[in-house]
C-alpha cells in the first residue's frame, strides 16, 4: 500500500495594517486547515518599522510551520495610490521573508481566487469565505476576514496547482 501524498500550503493576504495568513494541508484530495491568523502592525510606527515587523512575523511563521509552498495574493486596482504603494511594499516584505527560507512562491489575482473557490470571478467576500468553510469542513468561517482570505489563497493554489509534493 502506498502512502498518501501530502503537502502544506501557506496562504498570505497582504496588507500593511493586517496581513492574513493561513496554512492548509492537502492529503490526497482532502483539505484540512492547520492554522490561521493575522499579523497586525500599529499605524503609529513608521512604514519601515512595520515592514520589518511583517517580514519577521512571516519569516517566523515559515520557520515554525515549514510549508511546502506559499501562495500570495497579487495586488489589484486601488483607488488610493498611497494605499497601493504601502500594500505592495508589505507584499514584498512577505515574499522576501518566504524566499529567505527557499520556499516556492505562487501568485494569484483576486479574480483567480474567487474563480477557484466559487466558480465565479465576481463573487463577493462572503461567498468566498463560505466556500472556505465548506471546502475545509469548518463549523464557522475563520475570523478575522483577512485570515479567511489567506486560507482562500491557499485553497486556490491547491485547486489550481494539483502537483503534490512527495
N, C-alpha and C. Protein backbone atom coordinates (compact mmCIF):
# COMPACT_ATOMS: atom_id res chain seq x y z
N UNK A 1 0.85 -1.18 0.00
CA UNK A 1 0.00 0.00 0.00
C UNK A 1 0.89 1.24 0.00
N UNK A 2 0.64 2.15 -0.92
CA UNK A 2 1.47 3.35 -1.00
C UNK A 2 0.94 4.45 -0.08
N UNK A 3 1.86 5.27 0.37
CA UNK A 3 1.50 6.37 1.27
C UNK A 3 0.75 7.45 0.47
N UNK A 4 -0.17 8.11 1.13
CA UNK A 4 -0.91 9.20 0.50
C UNK A 4 -0.01 10.44 0.51
N UNK A 5 0.13 11.06 -0.64
CA UNK A 5 0.97 12.26 -0.74
C UNK A 5 0.32 13.41 0.03
N UNK A 6 1.14 14.16 0.73
CA UNK A 6 0.66 15.33 1.46
C UNK A 6 1.52 16.54 1.13
N UNK A 7 0.94 17.70 1.30
CA UNK A 7 1.69 18.94 1.21
C UNK A 7 0.98 19.98 2.05
N UNK A 8 1.76 20.94 2.53
CA UNK A 8 1.18 22.06 3.27
C UNK A 8 1.42 23.32 2.46
N UNK A 9 0.41 24.17 2.46
CA UNK A 9 0.47 25.43 1.72
C UNK A 9 0.13 26.56 2.67
N UNK A 10 0.99 27.55 2.70
CA UNK A 10 0.75 28.79 3.45
C UNK A 10 0.17 29.80 2.48
N UNK A 11 -1.01 30.32 2.80
CA UNK A 11 -1.62 31.38 2.01
C UNK A 11 -1.43 32.71 2.72
N UNK A 12 -1.18 33.76 1.94
CA UNK A 12 -0.97 35.09 2.51
C UNK A 12 -1.86 36.10 1.80
N UNK A 13 -2.58 36.87 2.61
CA UNK A 13 -3.37 38.00 2.12
C UNK A 13 -2.64 39.27 2.57
N UNK A 14 -1.91 39.92 1.65
CA UNK A 14 -1.05 41.02 2.06
C UNK A 14 -1.81 42.27 2.52
N UNK A 15 -1.21 42.95 3.47
CA UNK A 15 -1.73 44.21 3.96
C UNK A 15 -0.70 44.85 4.87
N UNK A 16 -0.79 46.14 5.03
CA UNK A 16 0.15 46.85 5.89
C UNK A 16 -0.32 46.84 7.34
N UNK A 17 -1.61 47.11 7.56
CA UNK A 17 -2.15 47.10 8.92
C UNK A 17 -2.39 45.68 9.40
N UNK A 18 -2.98 44.86 8.54
CA UNK A 18 -3.30 43.48 8.87
C UNK A 18 -2.89 42.61 7.68
N UNK A 19 -2.04 41.63 7.95
CA UNK A 19 -1.66 40.66 6.93
C UNK A 19 -2.20 39.31 7.38
N UNK A 20 -3.14 38.77 6.60
CA UNK A 20 -3.72 37.48 6.93
C UNK A 20 -2.83 36.35 6.46
N UNK A 21 -2.86 35.25 7.22
CA UNK A 21 -2.13 34.05 6.82
C UNK A 21 -2.93 32.83 7.24
N UNK A 22 -2.75 31.76 6.48
CA UNK A 22 -3.44 30.51 6.80
C UNK A 22 -2.71 29.34 6.18
N UNK A 23 -2.70 28.24 6.89
CA UNK A 23 -1.99 27.05 6.43
C UNK A 23 -2.99 25.92 6.27
N UNK A 24 -2.97 25.33 5.08
CA UNK A 24 -3.81 24.16 4.81
C UNK A 24 -2.91 22.97 4.49
N UNK A 25 -3.43 21.80 4.81
CA UNK A 25 -2.74 20.57 4.46
C UNK A 25 -3.60 19.83 3.45
N UNK A 26 -2.97 19.42 2.35
CA UNK A 26 -3.64 18.59 1.38
C UNK A 26 -3.10 17.17 1.55
N UNK A 27 -4.01 16.26 1.81
CA UNK A 27 -3.66 14.83 1.93
C UNK A 27 -4.55 14.12 0.93
N UNK A 28 -3.95 13.71 -0.20
CA UNK A 28 -4.75 13.16 -1.28
C UNK A 28 -5.66 14.27 -1.79
N UNK A 29 -6.96 14.01 -1.79
CA UNK A 29 -7.92 15.03 -2.22
C UNK A 29 -8.52 15.83 -1.05
N UNK A 30 -8.18 15.44 0.17
CA UNK A 30 -8.75 16.09 1.36
C UNK A 30 -7.94 17.32 1.75
N UNK A 31 -8.65 18.34 2.18
CA UNK A 31 -8.03 19.57 2.67
C UNK A 31 -8.36 19.76 4.14
N UNK A 32 -7.37 20.20 4.89
CA UNK A 32 -7.56 20.44 6.32
C UNK A 32 -6.87 21.75 6.68
N UNK A 33 -7.57 22.59 7.43
CA UNK A 33 -6.97 23.83 7.93
C UNK A 33 -6.12 23.47 9.14
N UNK A 34 -4.84 23.85 9.10
CA UNK A 34 -3.95 23.58 10.23
C UNK A 34 -3.90 24.75 11.19
N UNK A 35 -3.68 25.95 10.65
CA UNK A 35 -3.57 27.16 11.47
C UNK A 35 -3.93 28.37 10.63
N UNK A 36 -4.32 29.43 11.29
CA UNK A 36 -4.51 30.69 10.59
C UNK A 36 -4.44 31.84 11.59
N UNK A 37 -4.25 33.02 11.08
CA UNK A 37 -4.18 34.20 11.94
C UNK A 37 -3.85 35.44 11.15
N UNK A 38 -3.48 36.47 11.87
CA UNK A 38 -3.13 37.75 11.25
C UNK A 38 -1.91 38.34 11.94
N UNK A 39 -1.14 39.03 11.15
CA UNK A 39 -0.05 39.83 11.68
C UNK A 39 -0.56 41.27 11.65
N UNK A 40 -0.53 41.91 12.80
CA UNK A 40 -1.02 43.29 12.89
C UNK A 40 0.13 44.24 13.19
N UNK A 41 0.09 45.40 12.55
CA UNK A 41 1.08 46.44 12.86
C UNK A 41 0.34 47.69 13.29
N UNK A 42 1.01 48.49 14.07
CA UNK A 42 0.41 49.72 14.58
C UNK A 42 0.69 50.88 13.63
N UNK A 43 -0.35 51.64 13.34
CA UNK A 43 -0.21 52.74 12.39
C UNK A 43 0.67 53.87 12.91
N UNK A 44 0.96 53.90 14.21
CA UNK A 44 1.83 54.96 14.74
C UNK A 44 3.31 54.66 14.54
N UNK A 45 3.64 53.44 14.05
CA UNK A 45 5.02 53.12 13.72
C UNK A 45 5.33 53.58 12.29
N UNK A 46 6.60 53.80 12.02
CA UNK A 46 6.99 54.17 10.66
C UNK A 46 6.73 53.00 9.72
N UNK A 47 6.59 53.29 8.43
CA UNK A 47 6.38 52.23 7.45
C UNK A 47 7.55 51.25 7.47
N UNK A 48 8.76 51.76 7.59
CA UNK A 48 9.95 50.88 7.63
C UNK A 48 9.86 49.91 8.80
N UNK A 49 9.45 50.37 9.95
CA UNK A 49 9.31 49.51 11.13
C UNK A 49 8.22 48.47 10.90
N UNK A 50 7.11 48.90 10.32
CA UNK A 50 6.01 47.99 10.06
C UNK A 50 6.40 46.90 9.06
N UNK A 51 7.15 47.29 8.04
CA UNK A 51 7.61 46.31 7.05
C UNK A 51 8.54 45.28 7.69
N UNK A 52 9.40 45.74 8.58
CA UNK A 52 10.30 44.82 9.28
C UNK A 52 9.51 43.88 10.19
N UNK A 53 8.46 44.39 10.83
CA UNK A 53 7.61 43.55 11.68
C UNK A 53 6.92 42.48 10.84
N UNK A 54 6.41 42.86 9.67
CA UNK A 54 5.75 41.90 8.78
C UNK A 54 6.74 40.85 8.29
N UNK A 55 7.91 41.30 7.86
CA UNK A 55 8.97 40.40 7.40
C UNK A 55 9.31 39.39 8.49
N UNK A 56 9.53 39.87 9.69
CA UNK A 56 9.91 39.00 10.81
C UNK A 56 8.80 38.00 11.14
N UNK A 57 7.57 38.47 11.16
CA UNK A 57 6.45 37.60 11.52
C UNK A 57 6.25 36.50 10.47
N UNK A 58 6.28 36.86 9.19
CA UNK A 58 6.11 35.86 8.13
C UNK A 58 7.29 34.89 8.14
N UNK A 59 8.48 35.40 8.35
CA UNK A 59 9.66 34.54 8.44
C UNK A 59 9.49 33.54 9.59
N UNK A 60 9.00 33.99 10.74
CA UNK A 60 8.76 33.10 11.88
C UNK A 60 7.70 32.04 11.56
N UNK A 61 6.63 32.45 10.87
CA UNK A 61 5.56 31.51 10.51
C UNK A 61 6.12 30.42 9.59
N UNK A 62 6.92 30.82 8.61
CA UNK A 62 7.52 29.85 7.68
C UNK A 62 8.49 28.95 8.44
N UNK A 63 9.33 29.54 9.27
CA UNK A 63 10.33 28.78 10.02
C UNK A 63 9.69 27.78 10.98
N UNK A 64 8.57 28.14 11.58
CA UNK A 64 7.88 27.29 12.55
C UNK A 64 7.07 26.18 11.88
N UNK A 65 6.42 26.50 10.75
CA UNK A 65 5.46 25.58 10.15
C UNK A 65 5.97 24.82 8.93
N UNK A 66 7.07 25.24 8.36
CA UNK A 66 7.71 24.55 7.24
C UNK A 66 6.75 24.21 6.10
N UNK A 67 6.06 25.22 5.52
CA UNK A 67 5.17 24.90 4.40
C UNK A 67 5.99 24.43 3.19
N UNK A 68 5.34 23.60 2.38
CA UNK A 68 5.98 23.14 1.15
C UNK A 68 5.94 24.21 0.07
N UNK A 69 4.87 25.01 0.09
CA UNK A 69 4.66 26.06 -0.92
C UNK A 69 3.93 27.22 -0.26
N UNK A 70 4.07 28.38 -0.86
CA UNK A 70 3.38 29.57 -0.37
C UNK A 70 2.62 30.20 -1.53
N UNK A 71 1.38 30.57 -1.27
CA UNK A 71 0.56 31.27 -2.25
C UNK A 71 0.24 32.65 -1.68
N UNK A 72 0.42 33.66 -2.50
CA UNK A 72 0.16 35.03 -2.04
C UNK A 72 -0.71 35.74 -3.07
N UNK A 73 -1.60 36.56 -2.57
CA UNK A 73 -2.50 37.29 -3.46
C UNK A 73 -1.76 38.44 -4.12
N UNK A 74 -1.96 38.59 -5.43
CA UNK A 74 -1.42 39.73 -6.16
C UNK A 74 -2.27 40.94 -5.84
N UNK A 75 -1.71 42.10 -6.08
CA UNK A 75 -2.46 43.33 -5.84
C UNK A 75 -3.43 43.58 -6.97
N UNK A 76 -4.53 44.20 -6.62
CA UNK A 76 -5.49 44.62 -7.62
C UNK A 76 -5.57 46.13 -7.58
N UNK A 77 -6.38 46.71 -8.42
CA UNK A 77 -6.50 48.16 -8.51
C UNK A 77 -6.99 48.77 -7.21
N UNK A 78 -6.28 49.78 -6.75
CA UNK A 78 -6.69 50.56 -5.59
C UNK A 78 -6.98 51.98 -6.05
N UNK A 79 -8.00 52.59 -5.49
CA UNK A 79 -8.28 53.99 -5.81
C UNK A 79 -7.25 54.90 -5.16
N UNK A 80 -6.75 54.50 -4.01
CA UNK A 80 -5.81 55.32 -3.25
C UNK A 80 -4.38 54.87 -3.56
N UNK A 81 -3.61 55.72 -4.24
CA UNK A 81 -2.24 55.35 -4.63
C UNK A 81 -1.34 55.14 -3.43
N UNK A 82 -1.56 55.90 -2.37
CA UNK A 82 -0.73 55.72 -1.17
C UNK A 82 -0.95 54.34 -0.57
N UNK A 83 -2.19 53.89 -0.56
CA UNK A 83 -2.52 52.56 -0.03
C UNK A 83 -1.87 51.47 -0.87
N UNK A 84 -1.99 51.57 -2.19
CA UNK A 84 -1.43 50.53 -3.04
C UNK A 84 0.09 50.45 -2.88
N UNK A 85 0.74 51.56 -2.69
CA UNK A 85 2.20 51.57 -2.52
C UNK A 85 2.59 50.85 -1.23
N UNK A 86 1.93 51.16 -0.14
CA UNK A 86 2.30 50.52 1.13
C UNK A 86 1.94 49.04 1.15
N UNK A 87 0.80 48.67 0.55
CA UNK A 87 0.44 47.25 0.49
C UNK A 87 1.42 46.50 -0.41
N UNK A 88 1.84 47.12 -1.50
CA UNK A 88 2.83 46.49 -2.38
C UNK A 88 4.14 46.26 -1.62
N UNK A 89 4.53 47.22 -0.80
CA UNK A 89 5.75 47.06 -0.01
C UNK A 89 5.57 45.95 1.03
N UNK A 90 4.41 45.88 1.65
CA UNK A 90 4.13 44.82 2.63
C UNK A 90 4.17 43.46 1.95
N UNK A 91 3.60 43.39 0.77
CA UNK A 91 3.61 42.15 -0.01
C UNK A 91 5.05 41.75 -0.33
N UNK A 92 5.86 42.72 -0.70
CA UNK A 92 7.27 42.45 -0.99
C UNK A 92 8.02 41.93 0.23
N UNK A 93 7.73 42.50 1.39
CA UNK A 93 8.37 42.04 2.63
C UNK A 93 8.00 40.58 2.89
N UNK A 94 6.74 40.21 2.63
CA UNK A 94 6.30 38.83 2.84
C UNK A 94 6.99 37.88 1.86
N UNK A 95 7.07 38.29 0.60
CA UNK A 95 7.70 37.44 -0.42
C UNK A 95 9.17 37.21 -0.08
N UNK A 96 9.87 38.26 0.32
CA UNK A 96 11.29 38.12 0.66
C UNK A 96 11.45 37.22 1.89
N UNK A 97 10.56 37.36 2.87
CA UNK A 97 10.63 36.50 4.06
C UNK A 97 10.49 35.04 3.68
N UNK A 98 9.59 34.74 2.76
CA UNK A 98 9.39 33.36 2.31
C UNK A 98 10.61 32.88 1.52
N UNK A 99 11.08 33.71 0.61
CA UNK A 99 12.21 33.32 -0.23
C UNK A 99 13.47 33.11 0.59
N UNK A 100 13.58 33.80 1.70
CA UNK A 100 14.72 33.61 2.61
C UNK A 100 14.81 32.14 3.05
N UNK A 101 13.67 31.49 3.13
CA UNK A 101 13.60 30.09 3.55
C UNK A 101 13.57 29.13 2.35
N UNK A 102 13.74 29.67 1.16
CA UNK A 102 13.78 28.88 -0.08
C UNK A 102 12.51 28.06 -0.30
N UNK A 103 11.38 28.67 -0.01
CA UNK A 103 10.10 28.02 -0.25
C UNK A 103 9.50 28.61 -1.53
N UNK A 104 9.01 27.77 -2.44
CA UNK A 104 8.44 28.30 -3.68
C UNK A 104 7.21 29.19 -3.41
N UNK A 105 7.14 30.29 -4.14
CA UNK A 105 6.04 31.26 -4.01
C UNK A 105 5.22 31.26 -5.31
N UNK A 106 3.91 31.20 -5.15
CA UNK A 106 2.98 31.25 -6.27
C UNK A 106 2.04 32.42 -6.05
N UNK A 107 1.69 33.12 -7.12
CA UNK A 107 0.89 34.33 -7.01
C UNK A 107 -0.44 34.18 -7.74
N UNK A 108 -1.50 34.69 -7.12
CA UNK A 108 -2.84 34.59 -7.68
C UNK A 108 -3.56 35.92 -7.55
N UNK A 109 -4.29 36.28 -8.60
CA UNK A 109 -5.08 37.50 -8.56
C UNK A 109 -6.36 37.24 -7.75
N UNK A 110 -6.99 38.29 -7.25
CA UNK A 110 -8.27 38.10 -6.56
C UNK A 110 -9.30 37.39 -7.46
N UNK A 111 -9.29 37.69 -8.75
CA UNK A 111 -10.19 37.04 -9.70
C UNK A 111 -9.94 35.53 -9.75
N UNK A 112 -8.67 35.13 -9.78
CA UNK A 112 -8.33 33.71 -9.80
C UNK A 112 -8.78 33.01 -8.51
N UNK A 113 -8.61 33.67 -7.38
CA UNK A 113 -9.02 33.09 -6.09
C UNK A 113 -10.53 32.89 -6.07
N UNK A 114 -11.26 33.91 -6.46
CA UNK A 114 -12.73 33.81 -6.47
C UNK A 114 -13.20 32.72 -7.43
N UNK A 115 -12.59 32.67 -8.59
CA UNK A 115 -12.95 31.66 -9.61
C UNK A 115 -12.69 30.25 -9.08
N UNK A 116 -11.53 30.05 -8.45
CA UNK A 116 -11.17 28.72 -7.95
C UNK A 116 -12.11 28.25 -6.84
N UNK A 117 -12.53 29.17 -5.97
CA UNK A 117 -13.35 28.77 -4.83
C UNK A 117 -14.84 28.71 -5.14
N UNK A 118 -15.32 29.64 -5.95
CA UNK A 118 -16.76 29.72 -6.16
C UNK A 118 -17.19 29.39 -7.59
N UNK A 119 -16.24 29.37 -8.52
CA UNK A 119 -16.58 29.17 -9.93
C UNK A 119 -17.03 30.45 -10.59
N UNK A 120 -16.99 31.56 -9.83
CA UNK A 120 -17.45 32.85 -10.35
C UNK A 120 -16.45 33.92 -9.95
N UNK A 121 -15.81 34.56 -10.92
CA UNK A 121 -14.77 35.54 -10.66
C UNK A 121 -15.21 36.84 -10.02
N UNK A 122 -16.52 37.06 -9.97
CA UNK A 122 -17.03 38.30 -9.35
C UNK A 122 -17.74 38.02 -8.03
N UNK A 123 -17.46 36.88 -7.43
CA UNK A 123 -18.10 36.52 -6.16
C UNK A 123 -17.72 37.55 -5.09
N UNK A 124 -18.62 37.74 -4.12
CA UNK A 124 -18.30 38.69 -3.05
C UNK A 124 -17.55 37.97 -1.93
N UNK A 125 -17.06 38.77 -1.01
CA UNK A 125 -16.23 38.27 0.09
C UNK A 125 -16.94 37.18 0.91
N UNK A 126 -18.21 37.37 1.18
CA UNK A 126 -18.97 36.41 1.99
C UNK A 126 -19.09 35.06 1.27
N UNK A 127 -19.29 35.08 -0.05
CA UNK A 127 -19.37 33.83 -0.81
C UNK A 127 -18.05 33.07 -0.75
N UNK A 128 -16.94 33.79 -0.89
CA UNK A 128 -15.62 33.18 -0.85
C UNK A 128 -15.38 32.58 0.54
N UNK A 129 -15.71 33.34 1.58
CA UNK A 129 -15.50 32.85 2.94
C UNK A 129 -16.36 31.63 3.24
N UNK A 130 -17.56 31.59 2.73
CA UNK A 130 -18.42 30.43 2.93
C UNK A 130 -17.83 29.20 2.22
N UNK A 131 -17.23 29.41 1.07
CA UNK A 131 -16.60 28.29 0.36
C UNK A 131 -15.34 27.81 1.09
N UNK A 132 -14.64 28.71 1.75
CA UNK A 132 -13.50 28.29 2.59
C UNK A 132 -14.03 27.36 3.68
N UNK A 133 -15.11 27.78 4.33
CA UNK A 133 -15.71 26.99 5.40
C UNK A 133 -16.13 25.61 4.90
N UNK A 134 -16.85 25.58 3.79
CA UNK A 134 -17.35 24.32 3.24
C UNK A 134 -16.23 23.42 2.73
N UNK A 135 -15.29 23.99 2.01
CA UNK A 135 -14.19 23.21 1.43
C UNK A 135 -13.36 22.53 2.51
N UNK A 136 -13.18 23.22 3.61
CA UNK A 136 -12.32 22.68 4.69
C UNK A 136 -13.12 22.02 5.80
N UNK A 137 -14.44 21.94 5.66
CA UNK A 137 -15.26 21.26 6.66
C UNK A 137 -15.26 21.95 8.01
N UNK A 138 -15.23 23.28 8.01
CA UNK A 138 -15.21 24.05 9.26
C UNK A 138 -16.63 24.33 9.73
N UNK A 139 -16.81 24.46 11.02
CA UNK A 139 -18.13 24.76 11.57
C UNK A 139 -18.50 26.24 11.42
N UNK A 140 -17.49 27.09 11.27
CA UNK A 140 -17.74 28.52 11.10
C UNK A 140 -16.65 29.12 10.20
N UNK A 141 -16.93 30.28 9.67
CA UNK A 141 -15.95 30.97 8.83
C UNK A 141 -14.82 31.50 9.70
N UNK A 142 -13.58 31.31 9.28
CA UNK A 142 -12.46 31.83 10.07
C UNK A 142 -12.54 33.35 10.21
N UNK A 143 -12.15 33.84 11.36
CA UNK A 143 -12.11 35.27 11.64
C UNK A 143 -10.70 35.63 12.07
N UNK A 144 -10.22 36.80 11.82
CA UNK A 144 -10.85 37.87 11.04
C UNK A 144 -10.87 37.54 9.55
N UNK A 145 -11.53 38.38 8.79
CA UNK A 145 -11.68 38.18 7.35
C UNK A 145 -10.35 38.02 6.64
N UNK A 146 -9.32 38.70 7.11
CA UNK A 146 -8.00 38.62 6.46
C UNK A 146 -7.44 37.20 6.53
N UNK A 147 -7.69 36.50 7.62
CA UNK A 147 -7.24 35.11 7.76
C UNK A 147 -8.03 34.21 6.81
N UNK A 148 -9.34 34.43 6.71
CA UNK A 148 -10.17 33.67 5.79
C UNK A 148 -9.72 33.91 4.35
N UNK A 149 -9.37 35.14 4.03
CA UNK A 149 -8.88 35.47 2.69
C UNK A 149 -7.56 34.76 2.40
N UNK A 150 -6.69 34.67 3.39
CA UNK A 150 -5.42 33.97 3.22
C UNK A 150 -5.66 32.47 2.99
N UNK A 151 -6.59 31.89 3.73
CA UNK A 151 -6.93 30.49 3.51
C UNK A 151 -7.49 30.28 2.10
N UNK A 152 -8.27 31.24 1.62
CA UNK A 152 -8.81 31.17 0.26
C UNK A 152 -7.69 31.15 -0.77
N UNK A 153 -6.64 31.93 -0.55
CA UNK A 153 -5.50 31.94 -1.47
C UNK A 153 -4.80 30.59 -1.44
N UNK A 154 -4.63 30.01 -0.26
CA UNK A 154 -4.00 28.69 -0.15
C UNK A 154 -4.84 27.63 -0.85
N UNK A 155 -6.16 27.66 -0.66
CA UNK A 155 -7.06 26.70 -1.30
C UNK A 155 -7.02 26.88 -2.82
N UNK A 156 -7.00 28.11 -3.27
CA UNK A 156 -6.88 28.40 -4.71
C UNK A 156 -5.63 27.72 -5.26
N UNK A 157 -4.54 27.84 -4.55
CA UNK A 157 -3.29 27.23 -5.01
C UNK A 157 -3.42 25.70 -5.09
N UNK A 158 -3.99 25.10 -4.07
CA UNK A 158 -4.16 23.65 -4.06
C UNK A 158 -5.02 23.21 -5.24
N UNK A 159 -6.09 23.95 -5.50
CA UNK A 159 -7.01 23.58 -6.58
C UNK A 159 -6.44 23.89 -7.96
N UNK A 160 -5.58 24.88 -8.04
CA UNK A 160 -5.00 25.29 -9.31
C UNK A 160 -3.75 24.49 -9.65
N UNK A 161 -2.95 24.22 -8.64
CA UNK A 161 -1.67 23.55 -8.82
C UNK A 161 -1.79 22.17 -8.19
N UNK A 162 -2.22 21.19 -8.95
CA UNK A 162 -2.52 19.86 -8.43
C UNK A 162 -1.30 18.97 -8.19
N UNK A 163 -0.11 19.47 -8.52
CA UNK A 163 1.10 18.67 -8.28
C UNK A 163 1.31 18.51 -6.78
N UNK A 164 1.32 17.31 -6.30
CA UNK A 164 1.59 17.05 -4.89
C UNK A 164 3.08 16.88 -4.68
N UNK A 165 3.58 17.40 -3.57
CA UNK A 165 4.97 17.20 -3.20
C UNK A 165 5.08 15.85 -2.50
N UNK A 166 6.11 15.11 -2.78
CA UNK A 166 6.29 13.81 -2.11
C UNK A 166 7.28 13.92 -0.99
